PDB file of N, CA and C in Angstrom:
ATOM      1  N   UNK A   1     153.236  55.414 -14.644  1.00  0.00           N
ATOM      2  CA  UNK A   1     153.420  55.895 -13.281  1.00  0.00           C
ATOM      3  C   UNK A   1     153.898  57.341 -13.323  1.00  0.00           C
ATOM      4  N   UNK A   2     153.495  58.120 -12.369  1.00  0.00           N
ATOM      5  CA  UNK A   2     153.799  59.541 -12.365  1.00  0.00           C
ATOM      6  C   UNK A   2     154.994  59.879 -11.503  1.00  0.00           C
ATOM      7  N   UNK A   3     155.025  61.126 -11.146  1.00  0.00           N
ATOM      8  CA  UNK A   3     156.131  61.630 -10.343  1.00  0.00           C
ATOM      9  C   UNK A   3     155.977  61.199  -8.900  1.00  0.00           C
ATOM     10  N   UNK A   4     157.111  61.108  -8.200  1.00  0.00           N
ATOM     11  CA  UNK A   4     157.033  60.835  -6.772  1.00  0.00           C
ATOM     12  C   UNK A   4     157.250  62.140  -6.025  1.00  0.00           C
ATOM     13  N   UNK A   5     157.126  62.075  -4.714  1.00  0.00           N
ATOM     14  CA  UNK A   5     157.202  63.289  -3.894  1.00  0.00           C
ATOM     15  C   UNK A   5     158.558  63.975  -4.017  1.00  0.00           C
ATOM     16  N   UNK A   6     159.633  63.208  -4.165  1.00  0.00           N
ATOM     17  CA  UNK A   6     160.968  63.810  -4.319  1.00  0.00           C
ATOM     18  C   UNK A   6     161.085  64.567  -5.634  1.00  0.00           C
ATOM     19  N   UNK A   7     160.511  63.998  -6.708  1.00  0.00           N
ATOM     20  CA  UNK A   7     160.506  64.690  -8.001  1.00  0.00           C
ATOM     21  C   UNK A   7     159.775  66.025  -7.885  1.00  0.00           C
ATOM     22  N   UNK A   8     158.617  65.996  -7.244  1.00  0.00           N
ATOM     23  CA  UNK A   8     157.824  67.221  -7.096  1.00  0.00           C
ATOM     24  C   UNK A   8     158.554  68.255  -6.236  1.00  0.00           C
ATOM     25  N   UNK A   9     159.092  67.818  -5.116  1.00  0.00           N
ATOM     26  CA  UNK A   9     159.746  68.739  -4.186  1.00  0.00           C
ATOM     27  C   UNK A   9     160.991  69.377  -4.797  1.00  0.00           C
ATOM     28  N   UNK A  10     161.600  68.732  -5.777  1.00  0.00           N
ATOM     29  CA  UNK A  10     162.799  69.282  -6.427  1.00  0.00           C
ATOM     30  C   UNK A  10     162.465  70.361  -7.450  1.00  0.00           C
ATOM     31  N   UNK A  11     161.206  70.445  -7.857  1.00  0.00           N
ATOM     32  CA  UNK A  11     160.799  71.440  -8.850  1.00  0.00           C
ATOM     33  C   UNK A  11     160.517  72.785  -8.187  1.00  0.00           C
ATOM     34  N   UNK A  12     160.332  73.800  -9.015  1.00  0.00           N
ATOM     35  CA  UNK A  12     159.946  75.124  -8.536  1.00  0.00           C
ATOM     36  C   UNK A  12     158.695  75.572  -9.272  1.00  0.00           C
ATOM     37  N   UNK A  13     157.890  76.349  -8.589  1.00  0.00           N
ATOM     38  CA  UNK A  13     156.648  76.846  -9.168  1.00  0.00           C
ATOM     39  C   UNK A  13     156.945  77.809 -10.309  1.00  0.00           C
ATOM     40  N   UNK A  14     156.057  77.787 -11.306  1.00  0.00           N
ATOM     41  CA  UNK A  14     156.148  78.684 -12.453  1.00  0.00           C
ATOM     42  C   UNK A  14     154.917  79.575 -12.463  1.00  0.00           C
ATOM     43  N   UNK A  15     155.061  80.812 -12.888  1.00  0.00           N
ATOM     44  CA  UNK A  15     153.900  81.695 -12.933  1.00  0.00           C
ATOM     45  C   UNK A  15     152.800  81.121 -13.827  1.00  0.00           C
ATOM     46  N   UNK A  16     151.568  81.226 -13.374  1.00  0.00           N
ATOM     47  CA  UNK A  16     150.412  80.768 -14.150  1.00  0.00           C
ATOM     48  C   UNK A  16     149.718  81.981 -14.753  1.00  0.00           C
ATOM     49  N   UNK A  17     149.255  81.811 -15.956  1.00  0.00           N
ATOM     50  CA  UNK A  17     148.550  82.891 -16.633  1.00  0.00           C
ATOM     51  C   UNK A  17     147.074  82.547 -16.725  1.00  0.00           C
ATOM     52  N   UNK A  18     146.233  83.583 -16.659  1.00  0.00           N
ATOM     53  CA  UNK A  18     144.819  83.382 -16.872  1.00  0.00           C
ATOM     54  C   UNK A  18     144.598  82.766 -18.236  1.00  0.00           C
ATOM     55  N   UNK A  19     143.590  81.914 -18.352  1.00  0.00           N
ATOM     56  CA  UNK A  19     143.326  81.237 -19.605  1.00  0.00           C
ATOM     57  C   UNK A  19     143.986  79.875 -19.694  1.00  0.00           C
ATOM     58  N   UNK A  20     144.953  79.615 -18.817  1.00  0.00           N
ATOM     59  CA  UNK A  20     145.564  78.294 -18.758  1.00  0.00           C
ATOM     60  C   UNK A  20     144.572  77.359 -18.071  1.00  0.00           C
ATOM     61  N   UNK A  21     144.301  76.203 -18.657  1.00  0.00           N
ATOM     62  CA  UNK A  21     143.321  75.308 -18.028  1.00  0.00           C
ATOM     63  C   UNK A  21     143.884  74.637 -16.774  1.00  0.00           C
ATOM     64  N   UNK A  22     143.023  74.309 -15.816  1.00  0.00           N
ATOM     65  CA  UNK A  22     143.489  73.544 -14.658  1.00  0.00           C
ATOM     66  C   UNK A  22     143.857  72.126 -15.081  1.00  0.00           C
ATOM     67  N   UNK A  23     144.545  71.426 -14.204  1.00  0.00           N
ATOM     68  CA  UNK A  23     144.932  70.046 -14.489  1.00  0.00           C
ATOM     69  C   UNK A  23     143.701  69.166 -14.683  1.00  0.00           C
ATOM     70  N   UNK A  24     143.820  68.218 -15.581  1.00  0.00           N
ATOM     71  CA  UNK A  24     142.758  67.243 -15.809  1.00  0.00           C
ATOM     72  C   UNK A  24     142.658  66.304 -14.604  1.00  0.00           C
ATOM     73  N   UNK A  25     141.495  65.704 -14.439  1.00  0.00           N
ATOM     74  CA  UNK A  25     141.227  64.805 -13.313  1.00  0.00           C
ATOM     75  C   UNK A  25     142.279  63.699 -13.195  1.00  0.00           C
ATOM     76  N   UNK A  26     142.677  63.122 -14.321  1.00  0.00           N
ATOM     77  CA  UNK A  26     143.663  62.045 -14.301  1.00  0.00           C
ATOM     78  C   UNK A  26     145.006  62.532 -13.766  1.00  0.00           C
ATOM     79  N   UNK A  27     145.413  63.724 -14.171  1.00  0.00           N
ATOM     80  CA  UNK A  27     146.677  64.295 -13.685  1.00  0.00           C
ATOM     81  C   UNK A  27     146.597  64.583 -12.191  1.00  0.00           C
ATOM     82  N   UNK A  28     145.460  65.105 -11.753  1.00  0.00           N
ATOM     83  CA  UNK A  28     145.271  65.391 -10.326  1.00  0.00           C
ATOM     84  C   UNK A  28     145.394  64.098  -9.526  1.00  0.00           C
ATOM     85  N   UNK A  29     144.705  63.057  -9.952  1.00  0.00           N
ATOM     86  CA  UNK A  29     144.752  61.776  -9.237  1.00  0.00           C
ATOM     87  C   UNK A  29     146.160  61.201  -9.215  1.00  0.00           C
ATOM     88  N   UNK A  30     146.861  61.304 -10.324  1.00  0.00           N
ATOM     89  CA  UNK A  30     148.225  60.792 -10.412  1.00  0.00           C
ATOM     90  C   UNK A  30     149.155  61.545  -9.455  1.00  0.00           C
ATOM     91  N   UNK A  31     149.105  62.859  -9.495  1.00  0.00           N
ATOM     92  CA  UNK A  31     149.969  63.658  -8.621  1.00  0.00           C
ATOM     93  C   UNK A  31     149.581  63.494  -7.152  1.00  0.00           C
ATOM     94  N   UNK A  32     148.284  63.415  -6.882  1.00  0.00           N
ATOM     95  CA  UNK A  32     147.817  63.274  -5.512  1.00  0.00           C
ATOM     96  C   UNK A  32     148.288  61.959  -4.888  1.00  0.00           C
ATOM     97  N   UNK A  33     148.451  60.936  -5.700  1.00  0.00           N
ATOM     98  CA  UNK A  33     148.884  59.634  -5.187  1.00  0.00           C
ATOM     99  C   UNK A  33     150.292  59.686  -4.594  1.00  0.00           C
ATOM    100  N   UNK A  34     151.073  60.689  -4.947  1.00  0.00           N
ATOM    101  CA  UNK A  34     152.433  60.806  -4.405  1.00  0.00           C
ATOM    102  C   UNK A  34     152.478  61.571  -3.087  1.00  0.00           C
ATOM    103  N   UNK A  35     151.355  62.147  -2.665  1.00  0.00           N
ATOM    104  CA  UNK A  35     151.320  62.948  -1.435  1.00  0.00           C
ATOM    105  C   UNK A  35     150.514  62.221  -0.368  1.00  0.00           C
ATOM    106  N   UNK A  36     151.169  61.790   0.699  1.00  0.00           N
ATOM    107  CA  UNK A  36     150.462  61.034   1.739  1.00  0.00           C
ATOM    108  C   UNK A  36     149.521  61.944   2.548  1.00  0.00           C
ATOM    109  N   UNK A  37     148.268  61.512   2.629  1.00  0.00           N
ATOM    110  CA  UNK A  37     147.305  62.206   3.481  1.00  0.00           C
ATOM    111  C   UNK A  37     146.627  63.418   2.882  1.00  0.00           C
ATOM    112  N   UNK A  38     146.997  63.837   1.688  1.00  0.00           N
ATOM    113  CA  UNK A  38     146.354  64.976   1.051  1.00  0.00           C
ATOM    114  C   UNK A  38     145.078  64.502   0.356  1.00  0.00           C
ATOM    115  N   UNK A  39     144.058  65.354   0.371  1.00  0.00           N
ATOM    116  CA  UNK A  39     142.782  65.027  -0.246  1.00  0.00           C
ATOM    117  C   UNK A  39     142.422  66.065  -1.300  1.00  0.00           C
ATOM    118  N   UNK A  40     141.679  65.635  -2.294  1.00  0.00           N
ATOM    119  CA  UNK A  40     141.157  66.534  -3.324  1.00  0.00           C
ATOM    120  C   UNK A  40     139.743  66.924  -2.886  1.00  0.00           C
ATOM    121  N   UNK A  41     139.570  68.191  -2.520  1.00  0.00           N
ATOM    122  CA  UNK A  41     138.300  68.681  -1.984  1.00  0.00           C
ATOM    123  C   UNK A  41     137.930  69.987  -2.674  1.00  0.00           C
ATOM    124  N   UNK A  42     136.795  70.002  -3.349  1.00  0.00           N
ATOM    125  CA  UNK A  42     136.262  71.233  -3.949  1.00  0.00           C
ATOM    126  C   UNK A  42     137.296  71.998  -4.776  1.00  0.00           C
ATOM    127  N   UNK A  43     138.009  71.307  -5.659  1.00  0.00           N
ATOM    128  CA  UNK A  43     138.963  71.977  -6.537  1.00  0.00           C
ATOM    129  C   UNK A  43     140.268  72.374  -5.894  1.00  0.00           C
ATOM    130  N   UNK A  44     140.520  71.874  -4.681  1.00  0.00           N
ATOM    131  CA  UNK A  44     141.753  72.165  -3.944  1.00  0.00           C
ATOM    132  C   UNK A  44     142.362  70.853  -3.460  1.00  0.00           C
ATOM    133  N   UNK A  45     143.616  70.915  -3.040  1.00  0.00           N
ATOM    134  CA  UNK A  45     144.188  69.806  -2.289  1.00  0.00           C
ATOM    135  C   UNK A  45     144.389  70.296  -0.862  1.00  0.00           C
ATOM    136  N   UNK A  46     144.059  69.427   0.095  1.00  0.00           N
ATOM    137  CA  UNK A  46     143.968  69.830   1.494  1.00  0.00           C
ATOM    138  C   UNK A  46     144.578  68.758   2.388  1.00  0.00           C
ATOM    139  N   UNK A  47     145.264  69.224   3.440  1.00  0.00           N
ATOM    140  CA  UNK A  47     145.736  68.296   4.472  1.00  0.00           C
ATOM    141  C   UNK A  47     145.748  69.005   5.817  1.00  0.00           C
ATOM    142  N   UNK A  48     145.362  68.261   6.833  1.00  0.00           N
ATOM    143  CA  UNK A  48     145.426  68.752   8.216  1.00  0.00           C
ATOM    144  C   UNK A  48     146.681  68.176   8.870  1.00  0.00           C
ATOM    145  N   UNK A  49     147.462  69.049   9.483  1.00  0.00           N
ATOM    146  CA  UNK A  49     148.667  68.664  10.209  1.00  0.00           C
ATOM    147  C   UNK A  49     148.418  68.904  11.694  1.00  0.00           C
ATOM    148  N   UNK A  50     148.591  67.870  12.511  1.00  0.00           N
ATOM    149  CA  UNK A  50     148.367  67.966  13.954  1.00  0.00           C
ATOM    150  C   UNK A  50     149.699  68.060  14.692  1.00  0.00           C
ATOM    151  N   UNK A  51     149.691  68.827  15.791  1.00  0.00           N
ATOM    152  CA  UNK A  51     150.899  69.064  16.566  1.00  0.00           C
ATOM    153  C   UNK A  51     150.622  68.909  18.051  1.00  0.00           C
ATOM    154  N   UNK A  52     151.701  68.825  18.840  1.00  0.00           N
ATOM    155  CA  UNK A  52     151.574  68.633  20.288  1.00  0.00           C
ATOM    156  C   UNK A  52     151.197  69.917  21.019  1.00  0.00           C
ATOM    157  N   UNK A  53     151.576  71.058  20.446  1.00  0.00           N
ATOM    158  CA  UNK A  53     151.343  72.317  21.150  1.00  0.00           C
ATOM    159  C   UNK A  53     151.336  73.493  20.170  1.00  0.00           C
ATOM    160  N   UNK A  54     151.053  74.653  20.702  1.00  0.00           N
ATOM    161  CA  UNK A  54     150.957  75.868  19.899  1.00  0.00           C
ATOM    162  C   UNK A  54     152.304  76.244  19.275  1.00  0.00           C
ATOM    163  N   UNK A  55     153.377  76.074  20.029  1.00  0.00           N
ATOM    164  CA  UNK A  55     154.706  76.413  19.521  1.00  0.00           C
ATOM    165  C   UNK A  55     155.021  75.620  18.256  1.00  0.00           C
ATOM    166  N   UNK A  56     154.769  74.304  18.279  1.00  0.00           N
ATOM    167  CA  UNK A  56     155.034  73.480  17.102  1.00  0.00           C
ATOM    168  C   UNK A  56     154.144  73.894  15.929  1.00  0.00           C
ATOM    169  N   UNK A  57     152.902  74.204  16.228  1.00  0.00           N
ATOM    170  CA  UNK A  57     151.989  74.654  15.169  1.00  0.00           C
ATOM    171  C   UNK A  57     152.515  75.927  14.520  1.00  0.00           C
ATOM    172  N   UNK A  58     152.923  76.887  15.325  1.00  0.00           N
ATOM    173  CA  UNK A  58     153.403  78.163  14.788  1.00  0.00           C
ATOM    174  C   UNK A  58     154.725  78.001  14.038  1.00  0.00           C
ATOM    175  N   UNK A  59     155.589  77.120  14.503  1.00  0.00           N
ATOM    176  CA  UNK A  59     156.840  76.863  13.781  1.00  0.00           C
ATOM    177  C   UNK A  59     156.528  76.302  12.397  1.00  0.00           C
ATOM    178  N   UNK A  60     155.566  75.378  12.321  1.00  0.00           N
ATOM    179  CA  UNK A  60     155.139  74.815  11.040  1.00  0.00           C
ATOM    180  C   UNK A  60     154.559  75.907  10.143  1.00  0.00           C
ATOM    181  N   UNK A  61     153.676  76.735  10.685  1.00  0.00           N
ATOM    182  CA  UNK A  61     153.052  77.819   9.909  1.00  0.00           C
ATOM    183  C   UNK A  61     154.128  78.738   9.326  1.00  0.00           C
ATOM    184  N   UNK A  62     155.117  79.082  10.119  1.00  0.00           N
ATOM    185  CA  UNK A  62     156.187  79.951   9.630  1.00  0.00           C
ATOM    186  C   UNK A  62     157.016  79.269   8.542  1.00  0.00           C
ATOM    187  N   UNK A  63     157.242  77.966   8.671  1.00  0.00           N
ATOM    188  CA  UNK A  63     157.979  77.239   7.636  1.00  0.00           C
ATOM    189  C   UNK A  63     157.170  77.185   6.339  1.00  0.00           C
ATOM    190  N   UNK A  64     155.861  76.977   6.441  1.00  0.00           N
ATOM    191  CA  UNK A  64     154.996  76.983   5.256  1.00  0.00           C
ATOM    192  C   UNK A  64     155.007  78.371   4.615  1.00  0.00           C
ATOM    193  N   UNK A  65     154.988  79.400   5.439  1.00  0.00           N
ATOM    194  CA  UNK A  65     155.030  80.775   4.917  1.00  0.00           C
ATOM    195  C   UNK A  65     156.335  81.017   4.153  1.00  0.00           C
ATOM    196  N   UNK A  66     157.439  80.480   4.637  1.00  0.00           N
ATOM    197  CA  UNK A  66     158.720  80.636   3.943  1.00  0.00           C
ATOM    198  C   UNK A  66     158.687  79.925   2.591  1.00  0.00           C
ATOM    199  N   UNK A  67     158.126  78.727   2.554  1.00  0.00           N
ATOM    200  CA  UNK A  67     157.985  78.003   1.287  1.00  0.00           C
ATOM    201  C   UNK A  67     157.124  78.822   0.329  1.00  0.00           C
ATOM    202  N   UNK A  68     156.017  79.340   0.821  1.00  0.00           N
ATOM    203  CA  UNK A  68     155.114  80.145  -0.017  1.00  0.00           C
ATOM    204  C   UNK A  68     155.836  81.358  -0.588  1.00  0.00           C
ATOM    205  N   UNK A  69     156.612  82.017   0.240  1.00  0.00           N
ATOM    206  CA  UNK A  69     157.379  83.187  -0.211  1.00  0.00           C
ATOM    207  C   UNK A  69     158.418  82.777  -1.257  1.00  0.00           C
ATOM    208  N   UNK A  70     159.123  81.693  -0.991  1.00  0.00           N
ATOM    209  CA  UNK A  70     160.179  81.236  -1.897  1.00  0.00           C
ATOM    210  C   UNK A  70     159.634  80.816  -3.256  1.00  0.00           C
ATOM    211  N   UNK A  71     158.465  80.185  -3.262  1.00  0.00           N
ATOM    212  CA  UNK A  71     157.877  79.680  -4.498  1.00  0.00           C
ATOM    213  C   UNK A  71     156.889  80.654  -5.121  1.00  0.00           C
ATOM    214  N   UNK A  72     156.549  81.724  -4.416  1.00  0.00           N
ATOM    215  CA  UNK A  72     155.531  82.685  -4.854  1.00  0.00           C
ATOM    216  C   UNK A  72     154.218  81.963  -5.193  1.00  0.00           C
ATOM    217  N   UNK A  73     153.873  81.012  -4.314  1.00  0.00           N
ATOM    218  CA  UNK A  73     152.610  80.279  -4.449  1.00  0.00           C
ATOM    219  C   UNK A  73     152.087  80.069  -3.035  1.00  0.00           C
ATOM    220  N   UNK A  74     150.941  80.652  -2.737  1.00  0.00           N
ATOM    221  CA  UNK A  74     150.498  80.797  -1.360  1.00  0.00           C
ATOM    222  C   UNK A  74     149.249  79.971  -1.057  1.00  0.00           C
ATOM    223  N   UNK A  75     149.287  79.194   0.025  1.00  0.00           N
ATOM    224  CA  UNK A  75     148.120  78.399   0.400  1.00  0.00           C
ATOM    225  C   UNK A  75     147.163  79.208   1.274  1.00  0.00           C
ATOM    226  N   UNK A  76     145.964  78.690   1.403  1.00  0.00           N
ATOM    227  CA  UNK A  76     145.064  79.133   2.461  1.00  0.00           C
ATOM    228  C   UNK A  76     145.381  78.240   3.652  1.00  0.00           C
ATOM    229  N   UNK A  77     145.434  78.836   4.838  1.00  0.00           N
ATOM    230  CA  UNK A  77     145.726  78.048   6.032  1.00  0.00           C
ATOM    231  C   UNK A  77     144.705  78.357   7.114  1.00  0.00           C
ATOM    232  N   UNK A  78     144.245  77.310   7.755  1.00  0.00           N
ATOM    233  CA  UNK A  78     143.397  77.432   8.938  1.00  0.00           C
ATOM    234  C   UNK A  78     144.275  77.008  10.108  1.00  0.00           C
ATOM    235  N   UNK A  79     144.450  77.905  11.065  1.00  0.00           N
ATOM    236  CA  UNK A  79     145.393  77.681  12.151  1.00  0.00           C
ATOM    237  C   UNK A  79     144.646  77.643  13.475  1.00  0.00           C
ATOM    238  N   UNK A  80     144.938  76.630  14.267  1.00  0.00           N
ATOM    239  CA  UNK A  80     144.376  76.502  15.597  1.00  0.00           C
ATOM    240  C   UNK A  80     145.516  76.196  16.562  1.00  0.00           C
ATOM    241  N   UNK A  81     145.180  75.978  17.812  1.00  0.00           N
ATOM    242  CA  UNK A  81     146.205  75.754  18.829  1.00  0.00           C
ATOM    243  C   UNK A  81     147.109  74.572  18.493  1.00  0.00           C
ATOM    244  N   UNK A  82     146.511  73.435  18.056  1.00  0.00           N
ATOM    245  CA  UNK A  82     147.307  72.233  17.822  1.00  0.00           C
ATOM    246  C   UNK A  82     147.150  71.646  16.431  1.00  0.00           C
ATOM    247  N   UNK A  83     146.704  72.445  15.481  1.00  0.00           N
ATOM    248  CA  UNK A  83     146.668  71.947  14.106  1.00  0.00           C
ATOM    249  C   UNK A  83     146.721  73.102  13.119  1.00  0.00           C
ATOM    250  N   UNK A  84     147.081  72.743  11.893  1.00  0.00           N
ATOM    251  CA  UNK A  84     147.046  73.678  10.773  1.00  0.00           C
ATOM    252  C   UNK A  84     146.523  72.908   9.561  1.00  0.00           C
ATOM    253  N   UNK A  85     145.500  73.442   8.942  1.00  0.00           N
ATOM    254  CA  UNK A  85     144.977  72.856   7.704  1.00  0.00           C
ATOM    255  C   UNK A  85     145.502  73.707   6.551  1.00  0.00           C
ATOM    256  N   UNK A  86     146.160  73.042   5.608  1.00  0.00           N
ATOM    257  CA  UNK A  86     146.764  73.712   4.462  1.00  0.00           C
ATOM    258  C   UNK A  86     145.946  73.358   3.220  1.00  0.00           C
ATOM    259  N   UNK A  87     145.589  74.374   2.449  1.00  0.00           N
ATOM    260  CA  UNK A  87     144.772  74.180   1.244  1.00  0.00           C
ATOM    261  C   UNK A  87     145.431  74.911   0.078  1.00  0.00           C
ATOM    262  N   UNK A  88     145.696  74.154  -0.987  1.00  0.00           N
ATOM    263  CA  UNK A  88     146.267  74.741  -2.202  1.00  0.00           C
ATOM    264  C   UNK A  88     145.285  74.646  -3.359  1.00  0.00           C
ATOM    265  N   UNK A  89     145.215  75.722  -4.125  1.00  0.00           N
ATOM    266  CA  UNK A  89     144.580  75.751  -5.443  1.00  0.00           C
ATOM    267  C   UNK A  89     145.213  76.936  -6.174  1.00  0.00           C
ATOM    268  N   UNK A  90     145.023  76.983  -7.465  1.00  0.00           N
ATOM    269  CA  UNK A  90     145.609  78.064  -8.256  1.00  0.00           C
ATOM    270  C   UNK A  90     144.484  78.926  -8.799  1.00  0.00           C
ATOM    271  N   UNK A  91     144.313  80.081  -8.196  1.00  0.00           N
ATOM    272  CA  UNK A  91     143.209  80.970  -8.567  1.00  0.00           C
ATOM    273  C   UNK A  91     143.287  81.390 -10.030  1.00  0.00           C
ATOM    274  N   UNK A  92     144.491  81.584 -10.555  1.00  0.00           N
ATOM    275  CA  UNK A  92     144.652  82.057 -11.936  1.00  0.00           C
ATOM    276  C   UNK A  92     144.103  81.064 -12.963  1.00  0.00           C
ATOM    277  N   UNK A  93     144.072  79.765 -12.610  1.00  0.00           N
ATOM    278  CA  UNK A  93     143.554  78.768 -13.552  1.00  0.00           C
ATOM    279  C   UNK A  93     142.183  78.250 -13.141  1.00  0.00           C
ATOM    280  N   UNK A  94     141.704  78.678 -11.984  1.00  0.00           N
ATOM    281  CA  UNK A  94     140.388  78.238 -11.526  1.00  0.00           C
ATOM    282  C   UNK A  94     140.344  76.774 -11.126  1.00  0.00           C
ATOM    283  N   UNK A  95     141.425  76.273 -10.573  1.00  0.00           N
ATOM    284  CA  UNK A  95     141.500  74.870 -10.153  1.00  0.00           C
ATOM    285  C   UNK A  95     142.899  74.540  -9.698  1.00  0.00           C
ATOM    286  N   UNK A  96     143.332  73.352 -10.031  1.00  0.00           N
ATOM    287  CA  UNK A  96     144.656  72.898  -9.602  1.00  0.00           C
ATOM    288  C   UNK A  96     145.671  72.988 -10.730  1.00  0.00           C
ATOM    289  N   UNK A  97     146.891  73.378 -10.361  1.00  0.00           N
ATOM    290  CA  UNK A  97     148.021  73.380 -11.297  1.00  0.00           C
ATOM    291  C   UNK A  97     149.139  72.552 -10.666  1.00  0.00           C
ATOM    292  N   UNK A  98     150.177  72.291 -11.437  1.00  0.00           N
ATOM    293  CA  UNK A  98     151.316  71.563 -10.890  1.00  0.00           C
ATOM    294  C   UNK A  98     151.925  72.313  -9.703  1.00  0.00           C
ATOM    295  N   UNK A  99     151.829  73.639  -9.692  1.00  0.00           N
ATOM    296  CA  UNK A  99     152.365  74.430  -8.578  1.00  0.00           C
ATOM    297  C   UNK A  99     151.796  73.990  -7.235  1.00  0.00           C
ATOM    298  N   UNK A 100     150.508  73.625  -7.221  1.00  0.00           N
ATOM    299  CA  UNK A 100     149.885  73.190  -5.970  1.00  0.00           C
ATOM    300  C   UNK A 100     150.556  71.932  -5.437  1.00  0.00           C
ATOM    301  N   UNK A 101     150.877  71.015  -6.319  1.00  0.00           N
ATOM    302  CA  UNK A 101     151.490  69.760  -5.916  1.00  0.00           C
ATOM    303  C   UNK A 101     152.963  69.937  -5.569  1.00  0.00           C
ATOM    304  N   UNK A 102     153.650  70.812  -6.268  1.00  0.00           N
ATOM    305  CA  UNK A 102     155.043  71.137  -5.937  1.00  0.00           C
ATOM    306  C   UNK A 102     155.101  71.722  -4.530  1.00  0.00           C
ATOM    307  N   UNK A 103     154.238  72.685  -4.257  1.00  0.00           N
ATOM    308  CA  UNK A 103     154.223  73.330  -2.938  1.00  0.00           C
ATOM    309  C   UNK A 103     153.832  72.343  -1.846  1.00  0.00           C
ATOM    310  N   UNK A 104     152.832  71.515  -2.107  1.00  0.00           N
ATOM    311  CA  UNK A 104     152.413  70.518  -1.119  1.00  0.00           C
ATOM    312  C   UNK A 104     153.546  69.536  -0.825  1.00  0.00           C
ATOM    313  N   UNK A 105     154.302  69.137  -1.833  1.00  0.00           N
ATOM    314  CA  UNK A 105     155.429  68.232  -1.625  1.00  0.00           C
ATOM    315  C   UNK A 105     156.496  68.892  -0.755  1.00  0.00           C
ATOM    316  N   UNK A 106     156.729  70.169  -0.954  1.00  0.00           N
ATOM    317  CA  UNK A 106     157.709  70.889  -0.130  1.00  0.00           C
ATOM    318  C   UNK A 106     157.216  70.982   1.317  1.00  0.00           C
ATOM    319  N   UNK A 107     155.914  71.230   1.496  1.00  0.00           N
ATOM    320  CA  UNK A 107     155.346  71.272   2.849  1.00  0.00           C
ATOM    321  C   UNK A 107     155.460  69.887   3.496  1.00  0.00           C
ATOM    322  N   UNK A 108     155.179  68.868   2.743  1.00  0.00           N
ATOM    323  CA  UNK A 108     155.253  67.501   3.258  1.00  0.00           C
ATOM    324  C   UNK A 108     156.664  67.194   3.756  1.00  0.00           C
ATOM    325  N   UNK A 109     157.661  67.766   3.114  1.00  0.00           N
ATOM    326  CA  UNK A 109     159.050  67.556   3.528  1.00  0.00           C
ATOM    327  C   UNK A 109     159.386  68.148   4.885  1.00  0.00           C
ATOM    328  N   UNK A 110     158.526  68.985   5.407  1.00  0.00           N
ATOM    329  CA  UNK A 110     158.750  69.578   6.742  1.00  0.00           C
ATOM    330  C   UNK A 110     158.474  68.581   7.858  1.00  0.00           C
ATOM    331  N   UNK A 111     157.692  67.552   7.563  1.00  0.00           N
ATOM    332  CA  UNK A 111     157.236  66.605   8.582  1.00  0.00           C
ATOM    333  C   UNK A 111     157.986  65.279   8.423  1.00  0.00           C
ATOM    334  N   UNK A 112     158.613  64.779   9.483  1.00  0.00           N
ATOM    335  CA  UNK A 112     159.291  63.483   9.362  1.00  0.00           C
ATOM    336  C   UNK A 112     158.295  62.378   8.988  1.00  0.00           C
ATOM    337  N   UNK A 113     158.754  61.431   8.212  1.00  0.00           N
ATOM    338  CA  UNK A 113     157.872  60.318   7.774  1.00  0.00           C
ATOM    339  C   UNK A 113     157.454  59.463   8.954  1.00  0.00           C
TER     340      UNK A 113
END
């Protein structure tokens, strides 16, 4: 059994160097199982977060931006009036790294269960 969301959220991102291989499929599946609602799509992990209004969406976006700044690991975000789609991948490795899952776990902590 792998890490749970609390284990991931307690970690911090580490700089990735070019030439480092992306995570193997088994590791991706194991880590993804700890994140509710996240999907593995085209070499990224992705989740759509829905909100009641624009204010809540923007508050979430700003909180994600703070996490990205704190961890120095930045997602792609698609922002609309009542939703935000968050997508993580690690460009330096050409796929997924543990940093993507650490950051996703921290983002997941913004939303009550």
